[in-house]
Amino acid sequence: MTAARPMGSTVSEGARALWTLTLVLGGAALALVALDSMPTWLHGHPRGVRRAASIEEAERRVQSRVLLPSYFPDSLRWPPSQVRFVVDDGGSVALDFQGKDGAPALLLAQSLASGGAIPDGLQGRPAVIQRQSAPLGEDAVLARVVAEDGTLWNQLEWSRSGRRFLLRGRGSLEDLIRMARSIHGERR
């Protein structure tokens, strides 16, 4: 014959088992979150953003052509200093250019899907201090923005051919508008 256990000890054992299970599952969840965040910490890019060695490599990865301006000011260095892309939501690409002095000078970003948005991970979140319409269509917006490092930039955002474009530069506003107007259809 087995001795009956008191009800209080069974409840405390159940609570202890539940507490242990909670700690184990919570620890596993924290470890998975840390492992998932590790690429972001190592590469300095938000989740989903990848680097490419060239524009051509980014085009292969997103399976779409990147549209480039036919006008490119002499004050900028070619090729881009950094090519980043996102495959999700139809794909987006961002090209960073340096000025002749070696400082960051231009960001050209574009969504590759019709009606797609450019992810924040590619364009950042600068503080907008002034905004107005721009002479590139109904949805074109010209803004003055402050980057995370405190520098002022001109920013132009518009849609053309079903894509969303963003140009952010430290150079002249005229150069940004001229570059925007020179982006046309497929390149060869």
N, C-alpha and C. Protein backbone atom coordinates (compact mmCIF):
# COMPACT_ATOMS: atom_id res chain seq x y z
N MET A 1 0.82 -1.15 0.00
CA MET A 1 0.00 0.00 0.00
C MET A 1 0.89 1.24 0.00
N THR A 2 0.54 2.17 -0.81
CA THR A 2 1.34 3.39 -0.89
C THR A 2 0.74 4.44 0.01
N ALA A 3 1.64 5.20 0.56
CA ALA A 3 1.19 6.26 1.45
C ALA A 3 0.75 7.45 0.62
N ALA A 4 -0.33 8.04 0.96
CA ALA A 4 -0.84 9.21 0.24
C ALA A 4 -0.01 10.43 0.61
N ARG A 5 0.36 11.18 -0.39
CA ARG A 5 1.13 12.39 -0.13
C ARG A 5 0.20 13.52 0.28
N PRO A 6 0.71 14.38 1.08
CA PRO A 6 -0.12 15.54 1.43
C PRO A 6 -0.30 16.41 0.19
N MET A 7 -1.44 17.01 0.04
CA MET A 7 -1.79 17.83 -1.12
C MET A 7 -0.85 19.02 -1.27
N GLY A 8 -0.39 19.61 -0.21
CA GLY A 8 0.48 20.79 -0.25
C GLY A 8 1.80 20.50 -0.92
N SER A 9 2.40 19.34 -0.71
CA SER A 9 3.69 19.04 -1.32
C SER A 9 3.54 18.81 -2.83
N THR A 10 2.43 18.26 -3.28
CA THR A 10 2.20 18.05 -4.70
C THR A 10 2.06 19.39 -5.42
N VAL A 11 1.36 20.31 -4.81
CA VAL A 11 1.19 21.64 -5.40
C VAL A 11 2.53 22.37 -5.45
N SER A 12 3.33 22.28 -4.41
CA SER A 12 4.62 22.97 -4.41
C SER A 12 5.58 22.33 -5.43
N GLU A 13 5.52 21.01 -5.59
CA GLU A 13 6.34 20.37 -6.62
C GLU A 13 5.90 20.79 -8.01
N GLY A 14 4.62 20.92 -8.24
CA GLY A 14 4.11 21.38 -9.53
C GLY A 14 4.52 22.82 -9.81
N ALA A 15 4.46 23.66 -8.80
CA ALA A 15 4.87 25.07 -8.96
C ALA A 15 6.37 25.15 -9.24
N ARG A 16 7.14 24.33 -8.55
CA ARG A 16 8.59 24.32 -8.78
C ARG A 16 8.91 23.84 -10.19
N ALA A 17 8.23 22.82 -10.67
CA ALA A 17 8.44 22.32 -12.02
C ALA A 17 8.05 23.38 -13.05
N LEU A 18 6.94 24.06 -12.80
CA LEU A 18 6.50 25.13 -13.70
C LEU A 18 7.52 26.28 -13.71
N TRP A 19 8.04 26.64 -12.55
CA TRP A 19 9.06 27.70 -12.45
C TRP A 19 10.34 27.29 -13.20
N THR A 20 10.76 26.05 -13.04
CA THR A 20 11.95 25.55 -13.74
C THR A 20 11.73 25.57 -15.25
N LEU A 21 10.57 25.12 -15.71
CA LEU A 21 10.25 25.13 -17.13
C LEU A 21 10.25 26.56 -17.68
N THR A 22 9.70 27.49 -16.92
CA THR A 22 9.67 28.90 -17.33
C THR A 22 11.09 29.45 -17.46
N LEU A 23 11.95 29.15 -16.52
CA LEU A 23 13.34 29.61 -16.57
C LEU A 23 14.07 29.01 -17.77
N VAL A 24 13.88 27.73 -18.02
CA VAL A 24 14.56 27.07 -19.14
C VAL A 24 14.08 27.65 -20.47
N LEU A 25 12.78 27.78 -20.65
CA LEU A 25 12.24 28.33 -21.90
C LEU A 25 12.61 29.80 -22.08
N GLY A 26 12.57 30.55 -20.99
CA GLY A 26 12.98 31.97 -21.06
C GLY A 26 14.45 32.11 -21.43
N GLY A 27 15.29 31.28 -20.84
CA GLY A 27 16.72 31.31 -21.16
C GLY A 27 16.97 30.93 -22.62
N ALA A 28 16.24 29.93 -23.09
CA ALA A 28 16.39 29.52 -24.50
C ALA A 28 15.93 30.65 -25.43
N ALA A 29 14.83 31.30 -25.09
CA ALA A 29 14.33 32.41 -25.92
C ALA A 29 15.34 33.55 -25.94
N LEU A 30 15.92 33.90 -24.82
CA LEU A 30 16.93 34.96 -24.76
C LEU A 30 18.17 34.59 -25.58
N ALA A 31 18.57 33.33 -25.50
CA ALA A 31 19.73 32.88 -26.28
C ALA A 31 19.44 32.98 -27.78
N LEU A 32 18.24 32.62 -28.21
CA LEU A 32 17.88 32.71 -29.62
C LEU A 32 17.83 34.16 -30.09
N VAL A 33 17.30 35.05 -29.27
CA VAL A 33 17.27 36.48 -29.62
C VAL A 33 18.70 37.01 -29.76
N ALA A 34 19.56 36.64 -28.85
CA ALA A 34 20.96 37.09 -28.91
C ALA A 34 21.64 36.55 -30.17
N LEU A 35 21.44 35.29 -30.48
CA LEU A 35 22.04 34.71 -31.69
C LEU A 35 21.49 35.37 -32.95
N ASP A 36 20.20 35.67 -32.95
CA ASP A 36 19.59 36.31 -34.11
C ASP A 36 20.13 37.73 -34.30
N SER A 37 20.45 38.40 -33.24
CA SER A 37 20.96 39.78 -33.32
C SER A 37 22.45 39.84 -33.62
N MET A 38 23.16 38.74 -33.49
CA MET A 38 24.60 38.75 -33.65
C MET A 38 25.07 39.27 -35.02
N PRO A 39 24.46 38.87 -36.15
CA PRO A 39 24.91 39.42 -37.44
C PRO A 39 24.79 40.94 -37.50
N THR A 40 23.75 41.49 -36.89
CA THR A 40 23.58 42.94 -36.85
C THR A 40 24.72 43.58 -36.08
N TRP A 41 25.07 43.02 -34.96
CA TRP A 41 26.17 43.58 -34.15
C TRP A 41 27.49 43.47 -34.88
N LEU A 42 27.73 42.33 -35.55
CA LEU A 42 29.00 42.12 -36.21
C LEU A 42 29.17 42.98 -37.46
N HIS A 43 28.10 43.14 -38.24
CA HIS A 43 28.20 43.85 -39.51
C HIS A 43 27.73 45.30 -39.43
N GLY A 44 27.06 45.67 -38.37
CA GLY A 44 26.60 47.04 -38.24
C GLY A 44 25.42 47.40 -39.12
N HIS A 45 24.68 46.40 -39.62
CA HIS A 45 23.52 46.65 -40.46
C HIS A 45 22.29 46.07 -39.80
N PRO A 46 21.13 46.68 -40.01
CA PRO A 46 19.89 46.12 -39.48
C PRO A 46 19.58 44.76 -40.09
N ARG A 47 18.69 44.07 -39.46
CA ARG A 47 18.30 42.73 -39.90
C ARG A 47 17.79 42.76 -41.33
N GLY A 48 18.23 41.81 -42.13
CA GLY A 48 17.78 41.69 -43.51
C GLY A 48 18.62 42.47 -44.50
N VAL A 49 19.42 43.42 -44.03
CA VAL A 49 20.27 44.23 -44.92
C VAL A 49 21.57 43.48 -45.15
N ARG A 50 21.91 43.33 -46.43
CA ARG A 50 23.15 42.63 -46.79
C ARG A 50 24.02 43.54 -47.64
N ARG A 51 25.29 43.24 -47.65
CA ARG A 51 26.24 43.99 -48.47
C ARG A 51 26.56 43.22 -49.74
N ALA A 52 26.87 43.98 -50.78
CA ALA A 52 27.32 43.38 -52.03
C ALA A 52 28.63 44.05 -52.41
N ALA A 53 29.47 43.34 -53.14
CA ALA A 53 30.76 43.89 -53.57
C ALA A 53 30.61 44.88 -54.71
N SER A 54 29.49 44.80 -55.44
CA SER A 54 29.28 45.68 -56.60
C SER A 54 27.79 45.83 -56.87
N ILE A 55 27.47 46.78 -57.74
CA ILE A 55 26.08 46.95 -58.16
C ILE A 55 25.61 45.70 -58.88
N GLU A 56 26.47 45.13 -59.71
CA GLU A 56 26.10 43.94 -60.47
C GLU A 56 25.76 42.76 -59.55
N GLU A 57 26.54 42.60 -58.47
CA GLU A 57 26.24 41.52 -57.53
C GLU A 57 24.89 41.76 -56.86
N ALA A 58 24.61 42.99 -56.47
CA ALA A 58 23.31 43.31 -55.86
C ALA A 58 22.18 43.01 -56.84
N GLU A 59 22.37 43.35 -58.11
CA GLU A 59 21.35 43.08 -59.12
C GLU A 59 21.10 41.57 -59.25
N ARG A 60 22.15 40.78 -59.20
CA ARG A 60 21.98 39.32 -59.26
C ARG A 60 21.21 38.81 -58.05
N ARG A 61 21.52 39.36 -56.89
CA ARG A 61 20.89 38.89 -55.66
C ARG A 61 19.41 39.27 -55.56
N VAL A 62 19.07 40.47 -56.03
CA VAL A 62 17.66 40.90 -55.97
C VAL A 62 16.91 40.59 -57.26
N GLN A 63 17.63 40.11 -58.27
CA GLN A 63 17.07 39.73 -59.57
C GLN A 63 16.32 40.87 -60.25
N SER A 64 16.94 42.04 -60.23
CA SER A 64 16.38 43.21 -60.89
C SER A 64 17.50 44.20 -61.17
N ARG A 65 17.30 45.03 -62.18
CA ARG A 65 18.28 46.06 -62.53
C ARG A 65 18.14 47.25 -61.59
N VAL A 66 19.26 47.83 -61.25
CA VAL A 66 19.31 49.05 -60.46
C VAL A 66 19.38 50.21 -61.45
N LEU A 67 18.47 51.16 -61.31
CA LEU A 67 18.47 52.31 -62.20
C LEU A 67 19.41 53.38 -61.65
N LEU A 68 20.27 53.89 -62.51
CA LEU A 68 21.27 54.87 -62.11
C LEU A 68 21.06 56.18 -62.88
N PRO A 69 21.47 57.29 -62.29
CA PRO A 69 21.35 58.56 -63.01
C PRO A 69 22.38 58.64 -64.13
N SER A 70 22.00 59.26 -65.23
CA SER A 70 22.98 59.48 -66.30
C SER A 70 23.85 60.69 -65.98
N TYR A 71 23.35 61.57 -65.12
CA TYR A 71 24.16 62.70 -64.66
C TYR A 71 24.76 62.33 -63.31
N PHE A 72 26.06 62.50 -63.19
CA PHE A 72 26.77 62.18 -61.96
C PHE A 72 27.80 63.29 -61.72
N PRO A 73 27.63 64.10 -60.67
CA PRO A 73 28.53 65.24 -60.44
C PRO A 73 29.99 64.82 -60.27
N ASP A 74 30.90 65.68 -60.72
CA ASP A 74 32.34 65.43 -60.57
C ASP A 74 32.79 65.44 -59.12
N SER A 75 31.97 65.98 -58.24
CA SER A 75 32.34 66.08 -56.82
C SER A 75 32.22 64.74 -56.10
N LEU A 76 31.69 63.71 -56.77
CA LEU A 76 31.50 62.40 -56.16
C LEU A 76 32.46 61.38 -56.74
N ARG A 77 32.83 60.41 -55.90
CA ARG A 77 33.69 59.31 -56.34
C ARG A 77 32.86 58.16 -56.88
N TRP A 78 33.33 57.58 -57.96
CA TRP A 78 32.74 56.35 -58.51
C TRP A 78 33.78 55.27 -58.41
N PRO A 79 33.46 54.08 -58.06
CA PRO A 79 32.17 53.45 -57.81
C PRO A 79 31.66 53.74 -56.40
N PRO A 80 30.47 53.25 -56.07
CA PRO A 80 29.94 53.47 -54.72
C PRO A 80 30.87 52.89 -53.67
N SER A 81 30.95 53.56 -52.54
CA SER A 81 31.78 53.07 -51.45
C SER A 81 31.14 51.87 -50.75
N GLN A 82 29.82 51.78 -50.87
CA GLN A 82 29.11 50.67 -50.24
C GLN A 82 27.84 50.39 -51.04
N VAL A 83 27.56 49.11 -51.24
CA VAL A 83 26.33 48.67 -51.91
C VAL A 83 25.62 47.76 -50.92
N ARG A 84 24.40 48.14 -50.57
CA ARG A 84 23.60 47.35 -49.63
C ARG A 84 22.27 47.00 -50.29
N PHE A 85 21.67 45.89 -49.89
CA PHE A 85 20.39 45.49 -50.49
C PHE A 85 19.56 44.71 -49.49
N VAL A 86 18.27 44.65 -49.79
CA VAL A 86 17.30 43.87 -49.04
C VAL A 86 16.51 43.08 -50.07
N VAL A 87 16.33 41.80 -49.84
CA VAL A 87 15.62 40.94 -50.78
C VAL A 87 14.12 40.97 -50.50
N ASP A 88 13.72 41.15 -49.24
CA ASP A 88 12.31 41.11 -48.85
C ASP A 88 11.49 42.18 -49.55
N ASP A 89 10.18 41.94 -49.65
CA ASP A 89 9.21 42.89 -50.20
C ASP A 89 9.57 43.38 -51.60
N GLY A 90 10.06 42.50 -52.45
CA GLY A 90 10.37 42.85 -53.82
C GLY A 90 11.77 43.38 -54.03
N GLY A 91 12.48 43.65 -52.96
CA GLY A 91 13.87 44.08 -53.05
C GLY A 91 14.05 45.59 -53.07
N SER A 92 15.13 46.02 -52.48
CA SER A 92 15.56 47.42 -52.47
C SER A 92 17.07 47.45 -52.44
N VAL A 93 17.62 48.52 -52.99
CA VAL A 93 19.08 48.67 -53.05
C VAL A 93 19.44 50.08 -52.61
N ALA A 94 20.57 50.20 -51.91
CA ALA A 94 21.10 51.51 -51.51
C ALA A 94 22.57 51.58 -51.90
N LEU A 95 22.95 52.69 -52.50
CA LEU A 95 24.33 52.93 -52.90
C LEU A 95 24.84 54.15 -52.13
N ASP A 96 25.96 53.99 -51.45
CA ASP A 96 26.59 55.10 -50.73
C ASP A 96 27.79 55.58 -51.53
N PHE A 97 27.89 56.90 -51.69
CA PHE A 97 29.00 57.50 -52.43
C PHE A 97 29.75 58.46 -51.53
N GLN A 98 31.04 58.53 -51.75
CA GLN A 98 31.89 59.48 -51.04
C GLN A 98 32.18 60.66 -51.95
N GLY A 99 32.45 61.79 -51.31
CA GLY A 99 32.89 62.95 -52.06
C GLY A 99 34.37 62.82 -52.37
N LYS A 100 34.90 63.74 -53.15
CA LYS A 100 36.33 63.72 -53.48
C LYS A 100 37.21 63.81 -52.23
N ASP A 101 36.65 64.38 -51.15
CA ASP A 101 37.40 64.50 -49.90
C ASP A 101 37.36 63.23 -49.06
N GLY A 102 36.61 62.21 -49.51
CA GLY A 102 36.54 60.93 -48.80
C GLY A 102 35.41 60.85 -47.78
N ALA A 103 34.68 61.93 -47.59
CA ALA A 103 33.57 61.94 -46.62
C ALA A 103 32.29 61.45 -47.30
N PRO A 104 31.37 60.88 -46.53
CA PRO A 104 30.09 60.47 -47.11
C PRO A 104 29.41 61.68 -47.76
N ALA A 105 28.91 61.49 -49.00
CA ALA A 105 28.36 62.63 -49.73
C ALA A 105 27.01 62.37 -50.38
N LEU A 106 26.65 61.10 -50.63
CA LEU A 106 25.39 60.84 -51.34
C LEU A 106 24.89 59.44 -51.02
N LEU A 107 23.58 59.34 -50.85
CA LEU A 107 22.90 58.06 -50.74
C LEU A 107 21.88 58.02 -51.87
N LEU A 108 21.92 56.96 -52.67
CA LEU A 108 20.91 56.70 -53.69
C LEU A 108 20.27 55.38 -53.33
N ALA A 109 18.97 55.42 -53.00
CA ALA A 109 18.25 54.20 -52.63
C ALA A 109 17.02 54.08 -53.51
N GLN A 110 16.63 52.83 -53.79
CA GLN A 110 15.44 52.61 -54.60
C GLN A 110 14.80 51.28 -54.25
N SER A 111 13.47 51.28 -54.28
CA SER A 111 12.73 50.03 -54.15
C SER A 111 12.62 49.46 -55.55
N LEU A 112 12.68 48.15 -55.67
CA LEU A 112 12.67 47.52 -56.98
C LEU A 112 11.31 46.96 -57.36
N ALA A 113 10.39 46.95 -56.41
CA ALA A 113 9.05 46.43 -56.65
C ALA A 113 8.08 47.57 -56.87
N SER A 114 7.12 47.34 -57.69
CA SER A 114 6.11 48.35 -57.97
C SER A 114 5.37 48.70 -56.68
N GLY A 115 5.38 49.97 -56.33
CA GLY A 115 4.69 50.43 -55.13
C GLY A 115 5.40 50.11 -53.84
N GLY A 116 6.60 49.54 -53.91
CA GLY A 116 7.33 49.18 -52.70
C GLY A 116 7.93 50.39 -52.01
N ALA A 117 8.20 50.23 -50.74
CA ALA A 117 8.84 51.29 -49.96
C ALA A 117 10.29 50.93 -49.72
N ILE A 118 11.10 51.94 -49.51
CA ILE A 118 12.52 51.71 -49.19
C ILE A 118 12.60 51.46 -47.69
N PRO A 119 13.11 50.31 -47.27
CA PRO A 119 13.16 49.99 -45.85
C PRO A 119 14.04 50.97 -45.07
N ASP A 120 13.66 51.23 -43.82
CA ASP A 120 14.44 52.10 -42.95
C ASP A 120 15.87 51.61 -42.78
N GLY A 121 16.06 50.29 -42.83
CA GLY A 121 17.40 49.73 -42.67
C GLY A 121 18.36 50.18 -43.75
N LEU A 122 17.85 50.56 -44.92
CA LEU A 122 18.70 51.04 -46.01
C LEU A 122 18.87 52.56 -45.99
N GLN A 123 17.85 53.27 -45.53
CA GLN A 123 17.91 54.72 -45.62
C GLN A 123 18.12 55.41 -44.29
N GLY A 124 18.03 54.70 -43.18
CA GLY A 124 18.18 55.35 -41.88
C GLY A 124 16.94 56.16 -41.52
N ARG A 125 17.01 56.85 -40.42
CA ARG A 125 15.89 57.66 -39.94
C ARG A 125 16.38 59.04 -39.55
N PRO A 126 16.77 59.86 -40.53
CA PRO A 126 17.22 61.21 -40.17
C PRO A 126 16.05 62.06 -39.71
N ALA A 127 16.35 63.09 -38.93
CA ALA A 127 15.32 64.01 -38.45
C ALA A 127 15.02 65.03 -39.55
N VAL A 128 13.77 65.13 -39.92
CA VAL A 128 13.35 66.08 -40.96
C VAL A 128 13.11 67.43 -40.31
N ILE A 129 13.78 68.47 -40.84
CA ILE A 129 13.59 69.80 -40.27
C ILE A 129 12.80 70.72 -41.20
N GLN A 130 12.69 70.35 -42.46
CA GLN A 130 11.92 71.13 -43.42
C GLN A 130 11.49 70.21 -44.55
N ARG A 131 10.25 70.41 -45.04
CA ARG A 131 9.72 69.54 -46.09
C ARG A 131 8.85 70.39 -47.03
N GLN A 132 8.97 70.11 -48.34
CA GLN A 132 8.14 70.78 -49.33
C GLN A 132 8.04 69.92 -50.56
N SER A 133 7.10 70.25 -51.44
CA SER A 133 6.97 69.49 -52.69
C SER A 133 8.15 69.81 -53.59
N ALA A 134 8.44 68.87 -54.48
CA ALA A 134 9.59 69.02 -55.39
C ALA A 134 9.11 68.94 -56.84
N PRO A 135 9.87 69.50 -57.77
CA PRO A 135 9.45 69.54 -59.18
C PRO A 135 9.72 68.24 -59.95
N LEU A 136 9.28 67.10 -59.37
CA LEU A 136 9.50 65.81 -60.03
C LEU A 136 8.23 64.97 -60.12
N GLY A 137 7.09 65.56 -59.88
CA GLY A 137 5.84 64.81 -59.90
C GLY A 137 5.03 65.08 -58.66
N GLU A 138 3.83 64.51 -58.66
CA GLU A 138 2.88 64.78 -57.58
C GLU A 138 3.37 64.32 -56.21
N ASP A 139 4.07 63.20 -56.15
CA ASP A 139 4.46 62.65 -54.85
C ASP A 139 5.90 63.00 -54.46
N ALA A 140 6.55 63.85 -55.22
CA ALA A 140 7.95 64.18 -54.94
C ALA A 140 8.04 65.12 -53.74
N VAL A 141 8.98 64.80 -52.85
CA VAL A 141 9.16 65.59 -51.63
C VAL A 141 10.64 65.95 -51.48
N LEU A 142 10.87 67.20 -51.23
CA LEU A 142 12.20 67.71 -50.96
C LEU A 142 12.28 68.03 -49.48
N ALA A 143 13.34 67.63 -48.83
CA ALA A 143 13.45 67.86 -47.39
C ALA A 143 14.89 68.22 -47.02
N ARG A 144 15.01 68.93 -45.90
CA ARG A 144 16.29 69.15 -45.24
C ARG A 144 16.26 68.23 -44.04
N VAL A 145 17.29 67.40 -43.90
CA VAL A 145 17.31 66.43 -42.82
C VAL A 145 18.62 66.54 -42.05
N VAL A 146 18.57 66.09 -40.80
CA VAL A 146 19.76 66.04 -39.96
C VAL A 146 20.08 64.57 -39.72
N ALA A 147 21.27 64.17 -40.12
CA ALA A 147 21.71 62.78 -39.93
C ALA A 147 22.04 62.52 -38.46
N GLU A 148 22.26 61.27 -38.14
CA GLU A 148 22.57 60.89 -36.76
C GLU A 148 23.84 61.56 -36.24
N ASP A 149 24.78 61.88 -37.15
CA ASP A 149 26.02 62.53 -36.73
C ASP A 149 25.88 64.06 -36.65
N GLY A 150 24.68 64.58 -36.91
CA GLY A 150 24.44 66.01 -36.79
C GLY A 150 24.65 66.81 -38.06
N THR A 151 25.03 66.16 -39.17
CA THR A 151 25.26 66.88 -40.42
C THR A 151 23.94 67.12 -41.15
N LEU A 152 23.87 68.23 -41.88
CA LEU A 152 22.69 68.57 -42.67
C LEU A 152 22.80 68.00 -44.07
N TRP A 153 21.70 67.47 -44.58
CA TRP A 153 21.63 66.88 -45.90
C TRP A 153 20.37 67.37 -46.60
N ASN A 154 20.41 67.43 -47.93
CA ASN A 154 19.22 67.62 -48.74
C ASN A 154 18.72 66.24 -49.12
N GLN A 155 17.41 66.08 -49.13
CA GLN A 155 16.84 64.77 -49.46
C GLN A 155 15.70 64.95 -50.45
N LEU A 156 15.70 64.12 -51.45
CA LEU A 156 14.68 64.13 -52.49
C LEU A 156 14.10 62.73 -52.59
N GLU A 157 12.78 62.63 -52.50
CA GLU A 157 12.13 61.32 -52.57
C GLU A 157 10.97 61.42 -53.56
N TRP A 158 10.87 60.43 -54.46
CA TRP A 158 9.84 60.45 -55.49
C TRP A 158 9.62 59.05 -56.05
N SER A 159 8.58 58.93 -56.86
CA SER A 159 8.28 57.66 -57.53
C SER A 159 8.35 57.86 -59.03
N ARG A 160 8.84 56.84 -59.71
CA ARG A 160 8.89 56.84 -61.17
C ARG A 160 8.93 55.39 -61.63
N SER A 161 8.18 55.10 -62.67
CA SER A 161 8.14 53.76 -63.26
C SER A 161 7.83 52.69 -62.22
N GLY A 162 6.96 53.01 -61.27
CA GLY A 162 6.55 52.04 -60.25
C GLY A 162 7.55 51.83 -59.13
N ARG A 163 8.66 52.54 -59.16
CA ARG A 163 9.67 52.41 -58.11
C ARG A 163 9.69 53.66 -57.24
N ARG A 164 10.15 53.47 -56.02
CA ARG A 164 10.35 54.59 -55.10
C ARG A 164 11.85 54.88 -55.06
N PHE A 165 12.22 56.15 -55.19
CA PHE A 165 13.62 56.57 -55.19
C PHE A 165 13.86 57.54 -54.05
N LEU A 166 15.10 57.54 -53.56
CA LEU A 166 15.53 58.50 -52.56
C LEU A 166 16.97 58.90 -52.88
N LEU A 167 17.19 60.20 -52.95
CA LEU A 167 18.54 60.75 -53.08
C LEU A 167 18.76 61.64 -51.87
N ARG A 168 19.83 61.40 -51.14
CA ARG A 168 20.17 62.24 -50.00
C ARG A 168 21.63 62.66 -50.17
N GLY A 169 21.85 63.96 -50.27
CA GLY A 169 23.21 64.42 -50.53
C GLY A 169 23.60 65.64 -49.74
N ARG A 170 24.89 65.82 -49.58
CA ARG A 170 25.42 67.00 -48.91
C ARG A 170 25.78 68.09 -49.90
N GLY A 171 25.72 67.77 -51.20
CA GLY A 171 26.05 68.74 -52.24
C GLY A 171 24.87 69.66 -52.52
N SER A 172 24.91 70.26 -53.70
CA SER A 172 23.88 71.24 -54.05
C SER A 172 22.54 70.58 -54.35
N LEU A 173 21.51 71.33 -54.08
CA LEU A 173 20.16 70.89 -54.38
C LEU A 173 19.96 70.73 -55.88
N GLU A 174 20.58 71.60 -56.65
CA GLU A 174 20.48 71.53 -58.11
C GLU A 174 21.04 70.20 -58.63
N ASP A 175 22.16 69.75 -58.06
CA ASP A 175 22.73 68.47 -58.48
C ASP A 175 21.78 67.31 -58.16
N LEU A 176 21.14 67.35 -56.98
CA LEU A 176 20.20 66.28 -56.63
C LEU A 176 19.04 66.23 -57.63
N ILE A 177 18.47 67.38 -57.94
CA ILE A 177 17.34 67.43 -58.87
C ILE A 177 17.78 66.98 -60.26
N ARG A 178 18.96 67.41 -60.68
CA ARG A 178 19.46 67.01 -61.99
C ARG A 178 19.71 65.50 -62.05
N MET A 179 20.25 64.92 -60.98
CA MET A 179 20.46 63.48 -60.92
C MET A 179 19.11 62.75 -60.98
N ALA A 180 18.15 63.23 -60.21
CA ALA A 180 16.83 62.59 -60.17
C ALA A 180 16.18 62.60 -61.55
N ARG A 181 16.25 63.72 -62.23
CA ARG A 181 15.64 63.83 -63.56
C ARG A 181 16.35 62.95 -64.58
N SER A 182 17.62 62.60 -64.33
CA SER A 182 18.38 61.81 -65.31
C SER A 182 18.23 60.30 -65.12
N ILE A 183 17.44 59.87 -64.14
CA ILE A 183 17.21 58.43 -63.95
C ILE A 183 16.05 58.03 -64.84
N HIS A 184 16.34 57.18 -65.81
CA HIS A 184 15.33 56.73 -66.76
C HIS A 184 15.43 55.23 -66.93
N GLY A 185 14.31 54.61 -67.21
CA GLY A 185 14.19 53.20 -67.62
C GLY A 185 15.38 52.29 -67.44
N GLU A 186 15.35 51.20 -68.14
CA GLU A 186 16.38 50.18 -68.05
C GLU A 186 17.71 50.67 -68.61
N ARG A 187 18.78 50.28 -67.95
CA ARG A 187 20.11 50.58 -68.49
C ARG A 187 20.65 49.32 -69.14
N ARG A 188 21.58 49.48 -70.01
CA ARG A 188 22.12 48.32 -70.73
C ARG A 188 23.41 47.85 -70.11
